[in-house]
Amino acid sequence: MKIVIIHGQSHKGSTYHIARNLAEKIGGDIQEFFLPKDFDEFCIGCTTCFVKGEEQCPHQAKLQPITEALDMADVIILASPVYVFHVTGAMKALLDHYGYRWMAHRPEEKMFKKQGVCISTAAGAGTKSTNQDMAHSLFNWGVPRIYKLGFAVAATSYDGISPKKKQAIEKKTEKIANKIKKASQKRINPNLKLRGMFAIMRMVQIHGWNPKDMDYWNEKGWTKDKRPWR
């Protein structure tokens, strides 16, 4: 199994250790990216990716290694500490660059067969909204199975987490790892929510406004009978 971890920070704190712990429990080849070290650009809102194509994004060269890793992975782990109840600016900046891949535009069909995990940690509150930031992108990319792990660690470092909380983290990561491994043994199909969103976007593309998106959907056959999960 191939796993890619996108870390929303460059230091190896609580969020890093939990994400790495989960990946090792799942097993397989693990590839990691650290933000902003491995990608440090802000989307400039030029709309080039939407109208002309993602290959013309001014940050394409820097983004390409991460894009290739996402496409090759069986499991995508997005991990971010909580910054004011949301993901880090570096994680947000990366996810902004994949707006063109949302179902409203040109989703990559490989995503409809993957599993995704959102991991966040905070000293106190904020993990729910932070995980939702990342889950929004995974869902709209077309990832059919998404897990969320949020931990209020009551500490500012991994070493500062109490043994009791670490035991709880171990238990939860073990449970999710087992679910992922079990699901990987069979074809992963989208649930009704994902199918419903795809159906809505299909109608949008039949009567769409952006020729680049409409051509993409027509070439894939998605405006007719084909679906990315078949």
Protein backbone atom coordinates (compact mmCIF):
# COMPACT_ATOMS: atom_id res chain seq x y z
CA MET A 1 0.00 0.00 0.00
CA LYS A 2 1.24 3.50 -0.83
CA ILE A 3 0.69 6.25 1.72
CA VAL A 4 1.35 9.97 1.35
CA ILE A 5 1.37 12.29 4.36
CA ILE A 6 1.05 16.04 3.90
CA HIS A 7 2.19 17.71 7.09
CA GLY A 8 0.83 21.21 7.62
CA GLN A 9 3.98 22.20 9.48
CA SER A 10 7.71 21.56 9.18
CA HIS A 11 8.44 20.67 12.80
CA LYS A 12 7.91 17.19 14.23
CA GLY A 13 5.43 17.76 17.03
CA SER A 14 2.33 15.95 18.21
CA THR A 15 0.53 16.04 14.87
CA TYR A 16 3.56 14.67 13.05
CA HIS A 17 4.04 11.78 15.47
CA ILE A 18 0.38 10.75 15.32
CA ALA A 19 0.27 10.88 11.52
CA ARG A 20 3.47 8.89 11.24
CA ASN A 21 2.23 6.43 13.87
CA LEU A 22 -0.95 5.79 11.87
CA ALA A 23 0.93 5.38 8.58
CA GLU A 24 3.28 2.83 10.13
CA LYS A 25 0.34 0.89 11.55
CA ILE A 26 -1.25 0.76 8.09
CA GLY A 27 2.02 -0.40 6.58
CA GLY A 28 3.50 0.06 3.13
CA ASP A 29 5.51 2.73 1.35
CA ILE A 30 5.31 6.10 3.11
CA GLN A 31 6.08 9.40 1.40
CA GLU A 32 6.01 12.64 3.36
CA PHE A 33 5.86 16.33 2.52
CA PHE A 34 6.38 19.12 5.05
CA LEU A 35 4.81 22.53 4.59
CA PRO A 36 5.93 25.18 3.94
CA LYS A 37 9.36 23.57 3.38
CA ASP A 38 8.18 21.48 0.42
CA PHE A 39 5.66 24.00 -0.94
CA ASP A 40 5.63 27.63 0.09
CA GLU A 41 3.52 29.46 -2.49
CA PHE A 42 0.20 31.25 -2.03
CA CYS A 43 -2.48 30.97 -4.69
CA ILE A 44 -2.58 34.36 -6.42
CA GLY A 45 -6.17 33.99 -7.68
CA CYS A 46 -5.25 34.25 -11.36
CA THR A 47 -7.87 31.57 -12.31
CA THR A 48 -5.43 30.16 -14.88
CA CYS A 49 -5.89 26.59 -13.59
CA PHE A 50 -9.66 26.86 -14.06
CA VAL A 51 -9.75 28.55 -17.45
CA LYS A 52 -6.55 27.51 -19.24
CA GLY A 53 -5.41 24.40 -17.36
CA GLU A 54 -3.52 23.46 -14.20
CA GLU A 55 -0.31 22.91 -16.16
CA GLN A 56 -0.14 26.69 -16.64
CA CYS A 57 -0.30 27.50 -12.93
CA PRO A 58 2.70 29.75 -12.10
CA HIS A 59 3.57 27.35 -9.25
CA GLN A 60 3.18 24.15 -11.25
CA ALA A 61 6.82 23.08 -11.05
CA LYS A 62 6.85 23.24 -7.25
CA LEU A 63 3.42 21.62 -6.96
CA GLN A 64 4.01 18.72 -9.34
CA PRO A 65 5.88 16.35 -6.95
CA ILE A 66 3.03 16.60 -4.43
CA THR A 67 0.40 16.12 -7.12
CA GLU A 68 2.13 13.01 -8.41
CA ALA A 69 2.40 11.59 -4.90
CA LEU A 70 -1.31 12.22 -4.24
CA ASP A 71 -2.25 10.47 -7.47
CA MET A 72 -0.04 7.44 -6.76
CA ALA A 73 -1.13 6.96 -3.14
CA ASP A 74 -3.75 4.51 -1.91
CA VAL A 75 -4.12 6.47 1.33
CA ILE A 76 -3.83 10.26 1.70
CA ILE A 77 -3.15 11.61 5.19
CA LEU A 78 -3.58 15.35 5.71
CA ALA A 79 -2.22 16.42 9.09
CA SER A 80 -2.33 19.87 10.65
CA PRO A 81 -2.06 21.30 14.14
CA VAL A 82 -4.88 23.65 15.05
CA TYR A 83 -4.16 27.29 14.31
CA VAL A 84 -7.01 29.49 15.60
CA PHE A 85 -9.56 26.68 15.04
CA HIS A 86 -8.37 25.98 11.48
CA VAL A 87 -5.52 24.43 9.49
CA THR A 88 -2.15 26.11 9.26
CA GLY A 89 -1.72 28.79 6.61
CA ALA A 90 0.71 26.50 4.79
CA MET A 91 -1.87 23.70 4.53
CA LYS A 92 -4.56 26.13 3.38
CA ALA A 93 -2.20 27.56 0.75
CA LEU A 94 -1.55 24.08 -0.64
CA LEU A 95 -5.22 23.07 -0.71
CA ASP A 96 -6.11 26.33 -2.45
CA HIS A 97 -3.95 25.22 -5.40
CA TYR A 98 -6.20 22.19 -5.95
CA GLY A 99 -9.42 24.11 -6.41
CA TYR A 100 -9.45 23.03 -10.06
CA ARG A 101 -9.71 19.41 -8.87
CA TRP A 102 -12.95 19.93 -7.01
CA MET A 103 -15.97 18.15 -8.46
CA ALA A 104 -17.34 21.49 -9.64
CA HIS A 105 -14.41 21.59 -12.07
CA ARG A 106 -12.09 18.72 -13.08
CA PRO A 107 -11.77 15.99 -10.43
CA GLU A 108 -9.03 13.41 -10.95
CA GLU A 109 -10.70 10.02 -11.33
CA LYS A 110 -7.95 8.24 -9.38
CA MET A 111 -9.27 9.98 -6.25
CA PHE A 112 -12.55 8.07 -6.37
CA LYS A 113 -10.76 4.86 -5.34
CA LYS A 114 -8.68 6.17 -2.42
CA GLN A 115 -8.99 6.52 1.33
CA GLY A 116 -8.20 9.72 3.19
CA VAL A 117 -7.45 10.65 6.78
CA CYS A 118 -7.59 14.07 8.44
CA ILE A 119 -5.52 14.42 11.59
CA SER A 120 -5.34 17.44 13.88
CA THR A 121 -4.12 18.18 17.38
CA ALA A 122 -4.64 21.07 19.77
CA ALA A 123 -3.80 21.82 23.35
CA GLY A 124 -7.55 22.31 23.80
CA ALA A 125 -10.35 22.90 21.30
CA GLY A 126 -10.51 23.30 17.54
CA THR A 127 -9.79 19.86 16.10
CA LYS A 128 -13.29 19.41 14.65
CA SER A 129 -13.21 22.56 12.51
CA THR A 130 -9.60 21.94 11.53
CA ASN A 131 -10.33 18.42 10.33
CA GLN A 132 -13.33 19.73 8.44
CA ASP A 133 -11.08 22.16 6.55
CA MET A 134 -9.12 19.21 5.18
CA ALA A 135 -12.11 16.92 4.75
CA HIS A 136 -13.79 19.50 2.50
CA SER A 137 -10.97 19.10 0.00
CA LEU A 138 -10.80 15.31 0.22
CA PHE A 139 -14.55 15.00 -0.34
CA ASN A 140 -14.63 17.44 -3.23
CA TRP A 141 -11.63 15.72 -4.82
CA GLY A 142 -13.80 12.60 -4.86
CA VAL A 143 -12.19 10.55 -2.07
CA PRO A 144 -14.94 8.09 -1.07
CA ARG A 145 -13.77 7.10 2.40
CA ILE A 146 -12.59 9.77 4.84
CA TYR A 147 -11.60 9.31 8.48
CA LYS A 148 -11.07 12.09 11.02
CA LEU A 149 -8.80 11.95 14.04
CA GLY A 150 -8.72 14.93 16.37
CA PHE A 151 -6.86 14.97 19.67
CA ALA A 152 -6.92 17.56 22.45
CA VAL A 153 -3.49 16.65 23.80
CA ALA A 154 -3.26 19.25 26.61
CA ALA A 155 0.39 19.75 25.73
CA THR A 156 2.60 21.81 23.44
CA SER A 157 4.89 18.92 22.47
CA TYR A 158 4.56 15.19 21.88
CA ASP A 159 6.78 14.41 24.85
CA GLY A 160 4.46 16.47 27.04
CA ILE A 161 1.39 14.33 26.32
CA SER A 162 0.34 12.28 29.34
CA PRO A 163 0.72 8.48 29.21
CA LYS A 164 -3.05 8.12 29.49
CA LYS A 165 -3.68 10.32 26.45
CA LYS A 166 -0.95 8.55 24.48
CA GLN A 167 -2.64 5.25 25.25
CA ALA A 168 -5.92 6.65 23.88
CA ILE A 169 -4.13 7.87 20.75
CA GLU A 170 -2.60 4.43 20.23
CA LYS A 171 -6.00 2.80 20.54
CA LYS A 172 -7.68 5.15 18.06
CA THR A 173 -4.91 5.00 15.47
CA GLU A 174 -4.89 1.21 15.70
CA LYS A 175 -8.66 1.15 15.09
CA ILE A 176 -8.46 3.43 12.05
CA ALA A 177 -5.46 1.55 10.63
CA ASN A 178 -7.40 -1.71 10.84
CA LYS A 179 -10.40 -0.15 9.09
CA ILE A 180 -8.20 1.16 6.29
CA LYS A 181 -6.45 -2.18 5.81
CA LYS A 182 -9.75 -4.05 5.77
CA ALA A 183 -11.31 -1.63 3.27
CA SER A 184 -8.27 -1.86 0.98
CA GLN A 185 -8.94 -5.56 0.42
CA LYS A 186 -12.00 -4.79 -1.70
CA ARG A 187 -13.15 -2.15 -4.14
CA ILE A 188 -13.94 1.15 -2.47
CA ASN A 189 -17.17 2.65 -3.76
CA PRO A 190 -18.53 6.14 -3.06
CA ASN A 191 -21.40 6.59 -0.63
CA LEU A 192 -24.70 8.23 -1.48
CA LYS A 193 -23.49 11.69 -0.48
CA LEU A 194 -20.55 11.55 -2.88
CA ARG A 195 -22.66 10.06 -5.67
CA GLY A 196 -25.24 12.79 -5.11
CA MET A 197 -22.63 15.54 -5.33
CA PHE A 198 -21.24 13.98 -8.50
CA ALA A 199 -24.74 13.86 -10.00
CA ILE A 200 -25.28 17.55 -9.26
CA MET A 201 -21.93 18.50 -10.78
CA ARG A 202 -22.69 16.32 -13.79
CA MET A 203 -25.79 18.41 -14.48
CA VAL A 204 -23.73 21.57 -14.04
CA GLN A 205 -21.24 20.38 -16.66
CA ILE A 206 -23.96 19.40 -19.13
CA HIS A 207 -25.19 22.99 -19.01
CA GLY A 208 -21.88 24.49 -17.87
CA TRP A 209 -20.13 27.82 -18.28
CA ASN A 210 -16.42 26.91 -18.37
CA PRO A 211 -15.42 25.21 -21.66
CA LYS A 212 -12.30 23.70 -20.06
CA ASP A 213 -14.38 21.88 -17.44
CA MET A 214 -17.12 20.87 -19.87
CA ASP A 215 -14.63 19.39 -22.32
CA TYR A 216 -12.99 17.44 -19.50
CA TRP A 217 -16.27 15.88 -18.35
CA ASN A 218 -17.31 15.08 -21.91
CA GLU A 219 -13.96 13.46 -22.72
CA LYS A 220 -14.23 11.31 -19.57
CA GLY A 221 -17.74 10.25 -20.61
CA TRP A 222 -19.10 11.41 -17.26
CA THR A 223 -21.87 13.48 -18.81
CA LYS A 224 -23.16 10.20 -20.24
CA ASP A 225 -23.03 6.75 -18.63
CA LYS A 226 -19.43 6.45 -17.43
CA ARG A 227 -18.49 7.08 -13.80
CA PRO A 228 -15.00 7.46 -12.26
CA TRP A 229 -15.57 4.66 -9.74
CA ARG A 230 -16.41 2.01 -12.36
